[in-house]
Amino acid sequence: MTSVVPVQLDGDDYANEVFGLGAGEGRKIVSTRLPVMDGRLRRVAVFTNKAITRAPLLDSLCRDELLTRQGLQEIAEIEVVDHPNARIGAWVPGDDILVQADLPWLGEIAIWSRVISWTLLSETRAKLTLARSDRFMYGTA
């Protein structure tokens, strides 16, 4: 890897718990609660969408909201050089790769990321566009 472009996040929207409210009233309301015990002060965000009638869909949307609000680092794109351990073209969109980097402002990180697209810059360099692997949920509709 030759360069990393991190996503800039604002700490004002941080939350380590999301409480989701869907369709219904009283005891019949579709709801979910997704806490993360991270040793930090509890900050709750409320996600409301009265059009949601199924709990699995509400869970999935609240999980996305929680990941966004936790301020988890995400590497948006990287440039890679042809290497025996990572040949140019050895990946395809949809592959999950482990991105390990030592960022001056954050320290050492290791994030599983999904290849969204990639562009060949030269014969020995490529740029990969990535998204966190844990943002993708399948089979929960």
Protein backbone atom coordinates (compact mmCIF):
# COMPACT_ATOMS: atom_id res chain seq x y z
CA MET A 1 0.00 0.00 0.00
CA THR A 2 1.39 3.38 -0.94
CA SER A 3 -1.25 5.82 0.32
CA VAL A 4 -4.40 5.84 2.42
CA VAL A 5 -7.28 8.33 2.28
CA PRO A 6 -9.25 8.23 5.57
CA VAL A 7 -12.82 9.38 5.99
CA GLN A 8 -13.22 12.52 8.10
CA LEU A 9 -15.76 12.08 10.90
CA ASP A 10 -17.22 14.53 13.42
CA GLY A 11 -17.45 13.46 17.08
CA ASP A 12 -20.65 15.41 17.75
CA ASP A 13 -22.77 12.61 16.29
CA TYR A 14 -21.07 9.83 18.28
CA ALA A 15 -23.31 7.18 19.87
CA ASN A 16 -22.56 3.73 21.26
CA GLU A 17 -26.19 2.63 21.40
CA VAL A 18 -29.04 2.96 18.93
CA PHE A 19 -32.67 2.58 19.89
CA GLY A 20 -34.87 1.93 16.87
CA LEU A 21 -38.60 2.57 16.58
CA GLY A 22 -40.71 1.31 13.68
CA ALA A 23 -44.42 0.94 12.95
CA GLY A 24 -47.03 0.43 15.64
CA GLU A 25 -48.02 1.92 18.97
CA GLY A 26 -47.58 0.88 22.59
CA ARG A 27 -46.67 -2.79 23.14
CA LYS A 28 -47.14 -3.58 19.45
CA ILE A 29 -44.45 -1.18 18.23
CA VAL A 30 -41.58 -2.66 16.22
CA SER A 31 -38.47 -1.76 18.18
CA THR A 32 -34.85 -2.74 18.69
CA ARG A 33 -31.97 -1.78 20.94
CA LEU A 34 -28.34 -2.18 19.85
CA PRO A 35 -25.82 -1.28 22.59
CA VAL A 36 -22.04 -1.56 22.41
CA MET A 37 -20.19 -1.99 25.70
CA ASP A 38 -16.98 -0.11 24.92
CA GLY A 39 -16.12 1.32 28.35
CA ARG A 40 -17.09 4.82 27.27
CA LEU A 41 -19.90 7.05 28.49
CA ARG A 42 -23.25 5.80 27.18
CA ARG A 43 -24.65 7.96 24.38
CA VAL A 44 -27.90 6.84 22.78
CA ALA A 45 -29.20 7.79 19.35
CA VAL A 46 -32.84 7.21 18.44
CA PHE A 47 -33.64 5.98 14.93
CA THR A 48 -37.30 6.32 13.92
CA ASN A 49 -39.03 5.17 10.76
CA LYS A 50 -42.75 4.42 11.13
CA ALA A 51 -42.84 2.75 7.69
CA ILE A 52 -40.79 -0.24 8.93
CA THR A 53 -43.03 -3.16 9.88
CA ARG A 54 -40.45 -5.95 10.20
CA ALA A 55 -37.92 -6.28 13.02
CA PRO A 56 -35.07 -7.69 10.86
CA LEU A 57 -35.18 -4.65 8.56
CA LEU A 58 -35.19 -2.29 11.55
CA ASP A 59 -32.21 -4.19 13.05
CA SER A 60 -30.26 -3.84 9.82
CA LEU A 61 -30.93 -0.11 9.50
CA CYS A 62 -30.08 0.48 13.17
CA ARG A 63 -26.85 -1.49 12.78
CA ASP A 64 -25.85 0.82 9.92
CA GLU A 65 -26.75 3.84 12.04
CA LEU A 66 -24.69 2.51 14.96
CA LEU A 67 -21.63 1.92 12.78
CA THR A 68 -21.92 5.41 11.36
CA ARG A 69 -22.35 7.01 14.78
CA GLN A 70 -19.54 5.08 16.46
CA GLY A 71 -17.06 6.99 14.38
CA LEU A 72 -15.35 3.79 13.37
CA GLN A 73 -12.52 4.50 11.02
CA GLU A 74 -13.11 3.63 7.42
CA ILE A 75 -10.53 3.61 4.69
CA ALA A 76 -12.25 4.98 1.59
CA GLU A 77 -9.50 4.23 -0.90
CA ILE A 78 -5.95 2.96 -1.09
CA GLU A 79 -3.22 2.81 -3.69
CA VAL A 80 -1.35 -0.45 -4.02
CA VAL A 81 1.83 -1.48 -5.80
CA ASP A 82 2.26 -4.83 -7.53
CA HIS A 83 3.76 -7.22 -4.97
CA PRO A 84 4.22 -11.01 -4.84
CA ASN A 85 1.67 -11.14 -1.99
CA ALA A 86 -0.84 -8.90 -3.81
CA ARG A 87 -0.57 -9.04 -7.57
CA ILE A 88 -2.40 -6.39 -9.57
CA GLY A 89 -5.79 -7.83 -10.49
CA ALA A 90 -5.74 -10.55 -7.81
CA TRP A 91 -8.90 -8.98 -6.35
CA VAL A 92 -12.34 -8.35 -7.79
CA PRO A 93 -15.16 -6.09 -6.59
CA GLY A 94 -16.88 -7.85 -3.71
CA ASP A 95 -13.70 -9.30 -2.19
CA ASP A 96 -13.00 -8.60 1.49
CA ILE A 97 -9.43 -7.58 2.25
CA LEU A 98 -7.66 -6.75 5.50
CA VAL A 99 -6.22 -3.25 5.39
CA GLN A 100 -3.45 -2.76 7.93
CA ALA A 101 -1.90 0.68 8.29
CA ASP A 102 0.01 2.81 10.77
CA LEU A 103 -1.67 6.23 10.68
CA PRO A 104 0.12 9.07 12.48
CA TRP A 105 -3.09 10.45 14.05
CA LEU A 106 -4.61 7.09 14.98
CA GLY A 107 -1.86 4.50 15.37
CA GLU A 108 -1.99 0.97 14.02
CA ILE A 109 -5.31 -0.10 12.54
CA ALA A 110 -6.59 -3.28 10.92
CA ILE A 111 -9.92 -3.00 9.10
CA TRP A 112 -11.67 -5.59 6.98
CA SER A 113 -12.83 -3.75 3.88
CA ARG A 114 -14.81 -4.71 0.79
CA VAL A 115 -13.45 -3.80 -2.65
CA ILE A 116 -16.15 -1.66 -4.30
CA SER A 117 -14.18 -0.82 -7.45
CA TRP A 118 -10.63 -0.46 -8.64
CA THR A 119 -8.71 1.48 -11.27
CA LEU A 120 -5.39 0.63 -12.92
CA LEU A 121 -3.08 3.65 -12.60
CA SER A 122 -0.06 2.08 -14.31
CA GLU A 123 1.32 -1.40 -14.93
CA THR A 124 2.42 -1.67 -11.31
CA ARG A 125 -0.05 0.57 -9.41
CA ALA A 126 -3.78 0.43 -8.77
CA LYS A 127 -6.31 2.43 -6.76
CA LEU A 128 -8.98 0.51 -4.81
CA THR A 129 -12.22 2.07 -3.57
CA LEU A 130 -13.30 0.40 -0.31
CA ALA A 131 -16.12 0.22 2.25
CA ARG A 132 -16.08 -1.46 5.66
CA SER A 133 -17.04 -5.13 5.36
CA ASP A 134 -19.28 -4.98 8.42
CA ARG A 135 -21.54 -2.43 6.71
CA PHE A 136 -22.89 -5.17 4.44
CA MET A 137 -25.69 -7.37 5.75
CA TYR A 138 -27.12 -10.24 3.71
CA GLY A 139 -30.12 -12.43 4.36
CA THR A 140 -31.86 -10.16 6.91
CA ALA A 141 -34.76 -8.73 4.92
